[in-house]
């Protein structure tokens, strides 16, 4: 998951389906690839030497934010498949913002902004501002576009629409449309990426991270990851515990629920709760937004708007928005309460458009719809390549429909997202088993209780798996990605103290706004 809309939920609308399709285990047969999986991170050490000792050519990043901080960028060559290190290669782009005091420098800090599929070359441009001066003095800050993302030989499945997950609609017919759409997206990825596709995985990205460590001449790696980046960091500690130093995991994935089904299922309840909180806020501002005088009235209006979009797509500007996509406007906003006014304004625009008023969407809404409906400037296929390549999911569409119907009573809006089928149901099986996380590498976990992307229960799961970790809880705040985005002195002090001194809190800590 990355910050903002890219964190784990992307959607597309699509091809018509029929309910008979629900009885079929897969509408598109999984493409069979001949693959060889790496079974041990230390395997084939000598063939990997050339990667760990390659020469780097540093140059301008050609990005104002990075260049203004004195950063440089380079490409690192890594095996496409670590089981065949003499075979095909790919590249990973990294940036380096140098430590501000070479005399106090203690190492490098790698990062990941989430997704999966989030580009991270410029991650520290903003996040670095949350670090104290003595922390900045100690680390070269390393941004990374993981394999298959951004400047790192990006996966491009050429999808006609933007997201790899979508709302199922309001009934079985809408769900059948989702089944057909997701099968089509999987087929497009297989056709576009071919036998490259199985190797864009978290385990391979962790191996790439260790190559980066070695190439930079470091004995150990420090790390700051948010959202999906917490899972990536935990996988690295599992595969390379002796190379793991100070790890901060912000807005944390449950390692036992990671995957396109389990991880998304956890999003349902907190997003439904965020809808209620937003509805209450919007009701207080009824004179401005005219969406209802009470929270229940606002919620009922949203549910009615989705039903109308299912019957006939809402025409707004030159977009047509159906029930598979309209709720994403709210989902995208619910990663921060600071976006409540924006969500209210945009739901007002969509409500007016559904009533037949000619509406020009505001610039932000138009940009969101351009991504969602037209994959402009790009689609989220790198995200699905990693999710589907990491963990297999149930393949029978009926399993998902049963879950949606069972969850609608408590999640009238978000069950259709949290329980819906994804392209992974039609994907080739992963080439490696998922990483089982369970180790005593020290780590600092920070998490808000109201996070709508990575639920608080996920942080508890990661805390149990990393037995030497400490958990810092930001109570009663619905924010995803805290450090560098939601200033809280208690949380920031815990992070900066750990990065500066290596000192974890003596016990788990609760912070309040």
Protein backbone atom coordinates (compact mmCIF):
# COMPACT_ATOMS: atom_id res chain seq x y z
CA UNK A 1 0.00 0.00 0.00
CA UNK A 2 1.30 3.48 -0.75
CA UNK A 3 0.15 6.79 0.52
CA UNK A 4 -3.08 8.09 -0.93
CA UNK A 5 -5.14 6.20 -3.49
CA UNK A 6 -2.42 3.80 -4.51
CA UNK A 7 -2.41 1.95 -1.22
CA UNK A 8 -3.61 -1.48 -2.16
CA UNK A 9 -6.90 -0.60 -3.80
CA UNK A 10 -7.12 0.18 -7.47
CA UNK A 11 -10.18 -0.50 -9.52
CA UNK A 12 -11.47 -0.98 -12.98
CA UNK A 13 -14.86 -1.52 -14.52
CA UNK A 14 -15.54 -4.01 -17.14
CA UNK A 15 -16.88 -6.63 -19.31
CA UNK A 16 -20.33 -8.05 -18.83
CA UNK A 17 -20.60 -11.40 -17.15
CA UNK A 18 -23.32 -13.93 -16.52
CA UNK A 19 -24.14 -15.69 -13.28
CA UNK A 20 -23.30 -18.99 -14.86
CA UNK A 21 -19.70 -17.87 -14.73
CA UNK A 22 -19.80 -18.11 -10.96
CA UNK A 23 -19.81 -21.89 -11.19
CA UNK A 24 -16.55 -21.87 -13.11
CA UNK A 25 -13.37 -22.11 -11.10
CA UNK A 26 -11.55 -19.77 -13.51
CA UNK A 27 -12.75 -17.79 -16.52
CA UNK A 28 -9.19 -17.55 -17.75
CA UNK A 29 -6.86 -20.47 -17.30
CA UNK A 30 -3.76 -19.67 -15.30
CA UNK A 31 -0.82 -19.36 -17.63
CA UNK A 32 1.79 -22.02 -16.99
CA UNK A 33 5.36 -20.78 -16.71
CA UNK A 34 8.48 -22.85 -16.41
CA UNK A 35 10.10 -21.41 -13.29
CA UNK A 36 12.77 -22.22 -10.77
CA UNK A 37 12.32 -20.93 -7.23
CA UNK A 38 15.07 -19.89 -4.84
CA UNK A 39 14.78 -21.93 -1.67
CA UNK A 40 17.44 -20.28 0.48
CA UNK A 41 18.73 -16.71 0.53
CA UNK A 42 22.32 -17.88 0.85
CA UNK A 43 22.13 -20.17 -2.15
CA UNK A 44 24.52 -19.64 -5.04
CA UNK A 45 26.64 -17.07 -3.19
CA UNK A 46 29.46 -17.04 -5.74
CA UNK A 47 27.26 -16.46 -8.81
CA UNK A 48 25.77 -13.47 -6.96
CA UNK A 49 29.16 -11.89 -6.28
CA UNK A 50 29.10 -9.88 -9.47
CA UNK A 51 25.88 -8.21 -8.35
CA UNK A 52 27.15 -7.41 -4.85
CA UNK A 53 30.38 -5.92 -6.20
CA UNK A 54 29.17 -4.07 -9.29
CA UNK A 55 30.39 -0.54 -10.00
CA UNK A 56 27.78 2.22 -9.82
CA UNK A 57 27.43 5.36 -11.91
CA UNK A 58 25.79 8.14 -9.89
CA UNK A 59 24.12 11.02 -11.69
CA UNK A 60 21.44 13.67 -11.31
CA UNK A 61 18.01 12.26 -10.46
CA UNK A 62 16.35 14.80 -12.78
CA UNK A 63 13.69 15.41 -10.13
CA UNK A 64 13.65 18.88 -8.54
CA UNK A 65 12.81 17.66 -5.04
CA UNK A 66 15.70 15.22 -4.98
CA UNK A 67 18.20 17.35 -6.84
CA UNK A 68 17.50 20.23 -4.48
CA UNK A 69 18.63 18.07 -1.56
CA UNK A 70 21.88 17.10 -3.24
CA UNK A 71 20.62 13.62 -4.13
CA UNK A 72 22.01 11.44 -6.87
CA UNK A 73 20.50 8.40 -8.55
CA UNK A 74 21.79 5.19 -10.07
CA UNK A 75 20.57 1.86 -11.42
CA UNK A 76 21.56 -1.42 -9.79
CA UNK A 77 21.54 -4.61 -11.84
CA UNK A 78 19.96 -7.66 -10.19
CA UNK A 79 18.94 -11.13 -11.39
CA UNK A 80 15.40 -11.37 -12.70
CA UNK A 81 15.29 -14.82 -11.08
CA UNK A 82 17.71 -15.35 -8.20
CA UNK A 83 17.63 -19.10 -8.82
CA UNK A 84 19.29 -18.38 -12.17
CA UNK A 85 21.79 -15.60 -11.40
CA UNK A 86 23.61 -16.12 -14.68
CA UNK A 87 20.39 -15.59 -16.59
CA UNK A 88 18.28 -12.57 -17.40
CA UNK A 89 18.69 -9.40 -15.37
CA UNK A 90 16.60 -6.39 -14.46
CA UNK A 91 17.42 -3.05 -12.85
CA UNK A 92 16.44 -1.29 -9.63
CA UNK A 93 16.64 2.50 -9.49
CA UNK A 94 17.76 4.08 -6.22
CA UNK A 95 18.36 7.61 -4.97
CA UNK A 96 20.78 8.75 -2.25
CA UNK A 97 20.40 11.88 -0.13
CA UNK A 98 23.72 12.08 1.75
CA UNK A 99 23.97 12.29 5.53
CA UNK A 100 24.27 15.91 6.61
CA UNK A 101 27.33 15.27 8.80
CA UNK A 102 29.83 12.73 7.43
CA UNK A 103 31.60 12.67 10.80
CA UNK A 104 28.47 11.33 12.48
CA UNK A 105 27.30 9.09 9.64
CA UNK A 106 26.41 5.58 10.84
CA UNK A 107 25.03 3.98 7.68
CA UNK A 108 22.28 3.95 5.08
CA UNK A 109 18.54 3.90 5.55
CA UNK A 110 16.53 2.23 2.80
CA UNK A 111 12.81 2.88 2.40
CA UNK A 112 9.58 1.77 0.80
CA UNK A 113 6.41 3.92 0.56
CA UNK A 114 3.94 1.04 0.22
CA UNK A 115 1.65 -0.28 -2.47
CA UNK A 116 2.87 -2.72 -3.39
CA UNK A 117 3.83 -0.95 -6.56
CA UNK A 118 4.63 2.41 -5.01
CA UNK A 119 7.53 4.31 -6.56
CA UNK A 120 9.87 5.49 -3.81
CA UNK A 121 12.82 7.35 -5.30
CA UNK A 122 11.57 10.60 -3.73
CA UNK A 123 10.11 9.09 -0.54
CA UNK A 124 12.54 10.89 1.76
CA UNK A 125 11.99 14.32 0.18
CA UNK A 126 8.96 14.79 2.44
CA UNK A 127 9.40 12.06 5.04
CA UNK A 128 12.92 13.23 5.83
CA UNK A 129 11.46 16.49 7.12
CA UNK A 130 10.04 14.59 10.12
CA UNK A 131 13.55 13.54 11.16
CA UNK A 132 15.50 15.53 13.71
CA UNK A 133 18.80 17.10 12.71
CA UNK A 134 20.82 14.50 14.59
CA UNK A 135 19.02 11.68 12.80
CA UNK A 136 19.62 13.30 9.41
CA UNK A 137 23.28 13.65 10.32
CA UNK A 138 23.59 9.90 10.73
CA UNK A 139 22.18 8.36 7.57
CA UNK A 140 22.37 8.41 3.82
CA UNK A 141 18.69 8.24 2.91
CA UNK A 142 18.06 5.73 0.11
CA UNK A 143 14.90 5.89 -1.98
CA UNK A 144 14.01 2.98 -4.23
CA UNK A 145 11.69 2.16 -7.08
CA UNK A 146 11.33 -1.58 -6.42
CA UNK A 147 11.69 -4.03 -9.28
CA UNK A 148 8.84 -3.65 -11.75
CA UNK A 149 7.93 -0.15 -10.54
CA UNK A 150 8.60 3.35 -11.87
CA UNK A 151 12.13 3.62 -13.26
CA UNK A 152 12.87 -0.02 -12.43
CA UNK A 153 11.71 -1.76 -15.65
CA UNK A 154 8.08 -1.19 -14.73
CA UNK A 155 5.42 -3.83 -15.23
CA UNK A 156 2.89 -2.59 -17.77
CA UNK A 157 -0.12 -4.83 -18.36
CA UNK A 158 -1.76 -2.23 -20.64
CA UNK A 159 -5.02 -2.21 -18.76
CA UNK A 160 -7.82 -0.06 -20.17
CA UNK A 161 -8.71 1.07 -16.64
CA UNK A 162 -6.65 2.01 -13.64
CA UNK A 163 -7.10 -0.29 -10.68
CA UNK A 164 -6.65 -3.99 -10.01
CA UNK A 165 -9.33 -4.24 -7.35
CA UNK A 166 -12.87 -2.93 -7.57
CA UNK A 167 -16.23 -2.79 -5.84
CA UNK A 168 -18.50 -5.68 -6.73
CA UNK A 169 -21.61 -3.56 -7.24
CA UNK A 170 -24.89 -3.97 -5.42
CA UNK A 171 -26.06 -7.42 -6.53
CA UNK A 172 -25.07 -10.72 -8.13
CA UNK A 173 -25.18 -9.21 -11.60
CA UNK A 174 -22.68 -6.54 -10.58
CA UNK A 175 -20.47 -9.21 -9.04
CA UNK A 176 -20.56 -11.22 -12.27
CA UNK A 177 -19.31 -8.14 -14.10
CA UNK A 178 -16.41 -7.99 -11.65
CA UNK A 179 -15.55 -11.63 -12.29
CA UNK A 180 -15.33 -11.02 -16.02
CA UNK A 181 -13.33 -7.82 -15.56
CA UNK A 182 -10.78 -9.37 -13.23
CA UNK A 183 -10.29 -12.37 -15.49
CA UNK A 184 -9.67 -10.02 -18.40
CA UNK A 185 -7.09 -8.02 -16.44
CA UNK A 186 -5.18 -11.17 -15.50
CA UNK A 187 -5.17 -12.29 -19.14
CA UNK A 188 -3.83 -8.89 -20.23
CA UNK A 189 -0.95 -9.17 -17.75
CA UNK A 190 -0.05 -12.64 -18.95
CA UNK A 191 -0.08 -11.45 -22.56
CA UNK A 192 1.88 -8.23 -21.94
CA UNK A 193 4.52 -9.45 -19.48
CA UNK A 194 4.85 -13.15 -20.30
CA UNK A 195 7.50 -15.11 -18.40
CA UNK A 196 8.81 -11.97 -16.64
CA UNK A 197 5.68 -11.77 -14.52
CA UNK A 198 6.36 -14.39 -11.81
CA UNK A 199 9.51 -12.68 -10.54
CA UNK A 200 8.08 -9.38 -9.32
CA UNK A 201 7.67 -10.56 -5.75
CA UNK A 202 8.35 -9.35 -2.24
CA UNK A 203 10.97 -12.03 -1.64
CA UNK A 204 12.89 -10.95 -4.74
CA UNK A 205 12.61 -7.29 -3.72
CA UNK A 206 14.06 -8.24 -0.31
CA UNK A 207 16.94 -9.93 -2.13
CA UNK A 208 17.39 -6.77 -4.20
CA UNK A 209 17.56 -4.78 -0.95
CA UNK A 210 20.41 -6.96 0.23
CA UNK A 211 22.26 -6.44 -3.04
CA UNK A 212 21.79 -2.68 -2.54
CA UNK A 213 23.23 -3.01 0.96
CA UNK A 214 26.25 -4.89 -0.34
CA UNK A 215 26.87 -2.59 -3.29
CA UNK A 216 26.81 0.42 -0.95
CA UNK A 217 29.42 -1.25 1.23
CA UNK A 218 27.30 -1.57 4.35
CA UNK A 219 27.37 -4.43 6.85
CA UNK A 220 23.78 -3.81 7.93
CA UNK A 221 20.66 -2.12 6.63
CA UNK A 222 18.45 0.44 8.37
CA UNK A 223 14.94 0.80 7.04
CA UNK A 224 11.77 2.89 7.12
CA UNK A 225 8.74 1.34 5.45
CA UNK A 226 5.10 2.33 5.43
CA UNK A 227 1.99 0.30 4.61
CA UNK A 228 3.01 -2.61 2.33
CA UNK A 229 6.56 -1.46 3.01
CA UNK A 230 6.17 -2.84 6.54
CA UNK A 231 5.62 -6.32 5.13
CA UNK A 232 8.60 -5.94 2.81
CA UNK A 233 10.73 -4.87 5.77
CA UNK A 234 9.56 -7.82 7.85
CA UNK A 235 10.36 -10.21 5.00
CA UNK A 236 13.86 -8.77 4.84
CA UNK A 237 14.35 -9.33 8.58
CA UNK A 238 13.22 -12.92 8.13
CA UNK A 239 15.49 -13.63 5.17
CA UNK A 240 18.48 -11.56 6.33
CA UNK A 241 18.23 -11.21 10.11
CA UNK A 242 21.98 -10.77 10.55
CA UNK A 243 21.92 -7.84 8.11
CA UNK A 244 18.99 -6.02 9.78
CA UNK A 245 19.71 -3.03 11.99
CA UNK A 246 17.14 -0.33 12.92
CA UNK A 247 13.77 -1.00 11.28
CA UNK A 248 10.73 1.30 11.58
CA UNK A 249 7.41 -0.09 10.34
CA UNK A 250 4.70 2.56 9.90
CA UNK A 251 1.03 1.55 9.39
CA UNK A 252 1.52 -2.14 9.49
CA UNK A 253 0.36 -5.15 7.52
CA UNK A 254 -0.58 -8.35 9.35
CA UNK A 255 1.95 -10.84 7.93
CA UNK A 256 -0.47 -13.73 8.45
CA UNK A 257 -3.18 -11.98 6.40
CA UNK A 258 -1.00 -10.58 3.65
CA UNK A 259 -2.32 -11.17 0.13
CA UNK A 260 -5.00 -9.87 -2.20
CA UNK A 261 -7.79 -11.55 -0.22
CA UNK A 262 -6.81 -11.53 3.46
CA UNK A 263 -5.27 -8.09 3.47
CA UNK A 264 -8.19 -6.43 1.70
CA UNK A 265 -10.74 -8.18 3.91
CA UNK A 266 -9.26 -6.38 6.92
CA UNK A 267 -10.06 -3.03 5.28
CA UNK A 268 -13.82 -3.50 5.38
CA UNK A 269 -14.66 -2.67 9.02
CA UNK A 270 -12.39 0.41 9.43
CA UNK A 271 -13.60 1.90 6.15
CA UNK A 272 -17.22 1.35 7.14
CA UNK A 273 -16.45 3.08 10.46
CA UNK A 274 -14.75 5.93 8.58
CA UNK A 275 -17.88 6.31 6.45
CA UNK A 276 -19.93 6.81 9.61
CA UNK A 277 -17.41 9.31 10.99
CA UNK A 278 -17.38 11.23 7.72
CA UNK A 279 -21.18 11.17 7.55
CA UNK A 280 -21.40 12.70 11.04
CA UNK A 281 -18.86 15.38 10.07
CA UNK A 282 -20.74 16.12 6.85
CA UNK A 283 -24.06 16.40 8.70
CA UNK A 284 -22.57 19.08 10.95
CA UNK A 285 -21.79 21.00 7.75
CA UNK A 286 -25.20 20.36 6.17
CA UNK A 287 -25.64 24.02 5.17
CA UNK A 288 -22.56 23.80 2.99
CA UNK A 289 -22.86 20.33 1.44
CA UNK A 290 -26.62 19.60 1.61
CA UNK A 291 -26.10 15.86 1.95
CA UNK A 292 -28.21 15.37 5.09
CA UNK A 293 -28.83 16.84 8.53
CA UNK A 294 -27.79 13.70 10.43
CA UNK A 295 -25.12 11.06 9.99
CA UNK A 296 -27.67 8.36 9.08
CA UNK A 297 -29.21 10.68 6.48
CA UNK A 298 -25.82 11.30 4.86
CA UNK A 299 -25.02 7.57 4.84
CA UNK A 300 -28.43 6.74 3.32
CA UNK A 301 -27.77 9.31 0.59
CA UNK A 302 -24.44 7.67 -0.24
CA UNK A 303 -25.99 4.20 -0.41
CA UNK A 304 -28.76 5.56 -2.64
CA UNK A 305 -26.20 7.24 -4.91
CA UNK A 306 -24.34 3.93 -5.33
CA UNK A 307 -27.60 2.15 -6.14
CA UNK A 308 -28.43 4.77 -8.76
CA UNK A 309 -24.96 4.38 -10.29
CA UNK A 310 -25.59 0.62 -10.51
CA UNK A 311 -28.84 1.20 -12.39
CA UNK A 312 -27.35 3.84 -14.68
CA UNK A 313 -23.80 5.22 -14.60
CA UNK A 314 -23.53 8.79 -13.39
CA UNK A 315 -22.53 11.19 -16.14
CA UNK A 316 -20.20 13.91 -14.82
CA UNK A 317 -18.16 15.93 -17.27
CA UNK A 318 -17.04 13.43 -19.88
CA UNK A 319 -16.91 10.55 -17.38
CA UNK A 320 -19.46 7.81 -16.73
CA UNK A 321 -19.14 6.47 -13.19
CA UNK A 322 -20.79 3.18 -12.20
CA UNK A 323 -21.20 1.37 -8.90
CA UNK A 324 -17.87 -0.45 -9.34
CA UNK A 325 -16.02 2.87 -9.18
CA UNK A 326 -18.09 5.57 -7.50
CA UNK A 327 -17.37 4.40 -3.92
CA UNK A 328 -13.64 4.75 -4.61
CA UNK A 329 -14.07 8.50 -4.26
CA UNK A 330 -14.80 7.92 -0.59
CA UNK A 331 -12.26 5.15 -0.16
CA UNK A 332 -9.47 7.37 -1.46
CA UNK A 333 -10.44 10.15 0.95
CA UNK A 334 -10.70 7.95 4.00
CA UNK A 335 -6.96 7.54 4.55
CA UNK A 336 -7.04 10.88 6.42
CA UNK A 337 -9.76 12.91 8.18
CA UNK A 338 -8.15 15.97 6.61
CA UNK A 339 -9.80 14.92 3.36
CA UNK A 340 -13.37 14.89 4.70
CA UNK A 341 -14.25 18.29 3.16
CA UNK A 342 -12.94 17.16 -0.23
CA UNK A 343 -14.98 13.96 -0.07
CA UNK A 344 -18.13 15.87 0.88
CA UNK A 345 -17.70 18.30 -1.99
CA UNK A 346 -17.15 15.52 -4.50
CA UNK A 347 -20.09 13.44 -3.29
CA UNK A 348 -22.18 16.61 -3.66
CA UNK A 349 -20.98 16.93 -7.26
CA UNK A 350 -21.79 13.29 -8.01
CA UNK A 351 -25.20 13.55 -6.33
CA UNK A 352 -26.09 16.55 -8.45
CA UNK A 353 -24.88 14.79 -11.59
CA UNK A 354 -26.96 11.72 -10.77
CA UNK A 355 -30.01 14.00 -10.51
CA UNK A 356 -29.43 15.17 -14.08
CA UNK A 357 -27.62 18.43 -13.35
CA UNK A 358 -24.80 19.18 -15.75
CA UNK A 359 -21.69 19.15 -13.56
CA UNK A 360 -18.04 19.75 -14.35
CA UNK A 361 -15.99 17.79 -11.81
CA UNK A 362 -13.43 19.71 -9.80
CA UNK A 363 -9.81 19.21 -10.82
CA UNK A 364 -9.10 16.68 -8.06
CA UNK A 365 -12.14 14.56 -8.88
CA UNK A 366 -11.36 14.70 -12.59
CA UNK A 367 -7.81 13.50 -11.92
CA UNK A 368 -9.07 10.63 -9.76
CA UNK A 369 -11.57 9.54 -12.40
CA UNK A 370 -8.92 9.78 -15.10
CA UNK A 371 -6.82 7.25 -13.18
CA UNK A 372 -9.72 5.01 -12.17
CA UNK A 373 -11.57 4.87 -15.47
CA UNK A 374 -8.85 5.50 -18.06
CA UNK A 375 -5.55 4.41 -16.46
CA UNK A 376 -4.09 7.86 -16.98
CA UNK A 377 -1.28 8.48 -16.33
CA UNK A 378 -0.83 4.75 -15.55
CA UNK A 379 -2.55 1.68 -14.20
CA UNK A 380 -1.80 -0.27 -11.02
CA UNK A 381 -0.63 -3.46 -12.69
CA UNK A 382 2.72 -3.41 -10.81
CA UNK A 383 0.73 -3.63 -7.60
CA UNK A 384 -1.21 -6.69 -8.71
CA UNK A 385 1.91 -8.33 -10.12
CA UNK A 386 3.42 -8.32 -6.61
CA UNK A 387 0.25 -9.23 -4.70
CA UNK A 388 -0.64 -12.07 -7.04
CA UNK A 389 2.95 -13.23 -7.37
CA UNK A 390 3.37 -13.41 -3.60
CA UNK A 391 0.32 -15.29 -2.35
CA UNK A 392 -2.28 -17.47 -4.05
CA UNK A 393 -5.99 -16.82 -3.42
CA UNK A 394 -9.20 -18.87 -3.74
CA UNK A 395 -10.15 -19.34 -7.38
CA UNK A 396 -13.87 -20.12 -7.15
CA UNK A 397 -15.94 -16.93 -7.69
CA UNK A 398 -18.73 -18.36 -5.55
CA UNK A 399 -16.45 -18.14 -2.50
CA UNK A 400 -16.23 -14.38 -2.92
CA UNK A 401 -19.95 -13.90 -3.59
CA UNK A 402 -20.84 -15.79 -0.40
CA UNK A 403 -18.44 -13.59 1.58
CA UNK A 404 -19.85 -10.39 0.09
CA UNK A 405 -23.41 -11.38 0.89
CA UNK A 406 -22.49 -12.40 4.44
CA UNK A 407 -20.64 -9.13 5.12
CA UNK A 408 -23.18 -6.69 3.68
CA UNK A 409 -25.20 -6.62 6.93
CA UNK A 410 -22.35 -4.94 8.81
CA UNK A 411 -20.56 -3.40 5.82
CA UNK A 412 -23.31 -2.12 3.49
CA UNK A 413 -20.84 -0.18 1.34
CA UNK A 414 -17.37 -1.65 1.82
CA UNK A 415 -18.16 -5.38 1.81
CA UNK A 416 -18.32 -5.02 -1.97
CA UNK A 417 -14.65 -4.01 -1.94
CA UNK A 418 -13.23 -5.94 0.98
CA UNK A 419 -14.69 -9.31 -0.04
CA UNK A 420 -14.58 -8.95 -3.83
CA UNK A 421 -12.65 -11.09 -6.29
CA UNK A 422 -9.34 -9.82 -7.71
CA UNK A 423 -7.21 -10.64 -10.76
CA UNK A 424 -5.19 -12.95 -8.50
CA UNK A 425 -8.00 -15.53 -8.77
CA UNK A 426 -6.95 -15.95 -12.43
CA UNK A 427 -3.19 -15.59 -11.95
CA UNK A 428 -0.49 -18.27 -12.29
CA UNK A 429 0.41 -19.84 -8.94
CA UNK A 430 3.31 -18.14 -7.09
CA UNK A 431 6.75 -19.60 -7.75
CA UNK A 432 7.67 -19.48 -4.05
CA UNK A 433 5.74 -20.06 -0.84
CA UNK A 434 4.85 -16.96 1.19
CA UNK A 435 7.36 -15.92 3.82
CA UNK A 436 6.41 -16.96 7.34
CA UNK A 437 7.36 -14.07 9.62
CA UNK A 438 8.59 -14.97 13.09
CA UNK A 439 11.87 -13.64 14.48
CA UNK A 440 13.44 -11.59 17.24
CA UNK A 441 14.93 -8.78 15.16
CA UNK A 442 14.20 -5.52 17.03
CA UNK A 443 11.80 -3.16 15.25
CA UNK A 444 9.62 -0.16 16.04
CA UNK A 445 5.99 -0.44 14.87
CA UNK A 446 3.83 2.69 14.74
CA UNK A 447 0.09 2.48 14.05
CA UNK A 448 -3.10 4.53 14.34
CA UNK A 449 -6.18 2.78 15.66
CA UNK A 450 -8.43 4.13 12.89
CA UNK A 451 -6.23 3.31 9.88
CA UNK A 452 -8.45 2.42 6.90
CA UNK A 453 -5.70 0.89 4.75
CA UNK A 454 -3.84 -1.31 7.22
CA UNK A 455 -6.17 -2.09 10.10
CA UNK A 456 -4.95 -1.85 13.68
CA UNK A 457 -5.34 -5.60 14.02
CA UNK A 458 -2.56 -5.93 11.44
CA UNK A 459 -0.13 -4.09 13.68
CA UNK A 460 -0.98 -6.42 16.52
CA UNK A 461 -0.28 -9.37 14.23
CA UNK A 462 3.09 -7.96 13.16
CA UNK A 463 3.94 -7.18 16.79
CA UNK A 464 3.33 -10.81 17.73
CA UNK A 465 5.43 -12.05 14.81
CA UNK A 466 8.39 -9.77 15.59
CA UNK A 467 8.89 -10.76 19.19
CA UNK A 468 11.50 -8.09 20.01
CA UNK A 469 9.43 -5.24 18.54
CA UNK A 470 7.74 -2.36 20.34
CA UNK A 471 4.33 -1.01 19.30
CA UNK A 472 3.56 2.71 19.42
CA UNK A 473 -0.21 3.24 19.09
CA UNK A 474 -1.70 6.55 17.96
CA UNK A 475 -5.12 6.37 19.57
CA UNK A 476 -8.43 7.53 18.06
CA UNK A 477 -6.97 8.87 14.82
CA UNK A 478 -7.95 7.58 11.37
CA UNK A 479 -4.66 8.20 9.58
CA UNK A 480 -2.68 5.94 7.28
CA UNK A 481 1.09 6.56 7.24
CA UNK A 482 1.94 8.64 10.28
CA UNK A 483 5.61 9.61 10.15
CA UNK A 484 6.07 12.61 7.88
CA UNK A 485 2.35 12.96 7.29
CA UNK A 486 0.56 13.41 10.62
CA UNK A 487 2.71 15.29 13.12
CA UNK A 488 2.37 13.86 16.62
CA UNK A 489 5.12 14.69 19.08
CA UNK A 490 4.79 11.42 20.98
CA UNK A 491 5.08 9.23 17.87
CA UNK A 492 7.77 11.35 16.24
CA UNK A 493 9.89 11.33 19.40
CA UNK A 494 9.74 7.53 19.60
CA UNK A 495 10.83 7.19 15.96
CA UNK A 496 13.62 9.75 16.11
CA UNK A 497 14.97 8.43 19.41
CA UNK A 498 15.16 4.92 17.99
CA UNK A 499 16.82 6.04 14.77
CA UNK A 500 19.29 8.24 16.66
CA UNK A 501 20.20 6.01 19.60
CA UNK A 502 18.89 2.57 18.71
CA UNK A 503 16.74 2.74 21.84
CA UNK A 504 13.26 1.23 21.67
CA UNK A 505 10.62 2.27 24.21
CA UNK A 506 10.88 0.22 27.38
CA UNK A 507 7.34 -1.02 26.78
CA UNK A 508 4.59 -0.58 24.23
CA UNK A 509 3.44 3.02 24.13
CA UNK A 510 0.10 4.76 23.53
CA UNK A 511 0.10 8.27 22.07
CA UNK A 512 -2.85 10.63 21.83
CA UNK A 513 -3.55 13.54 19.55
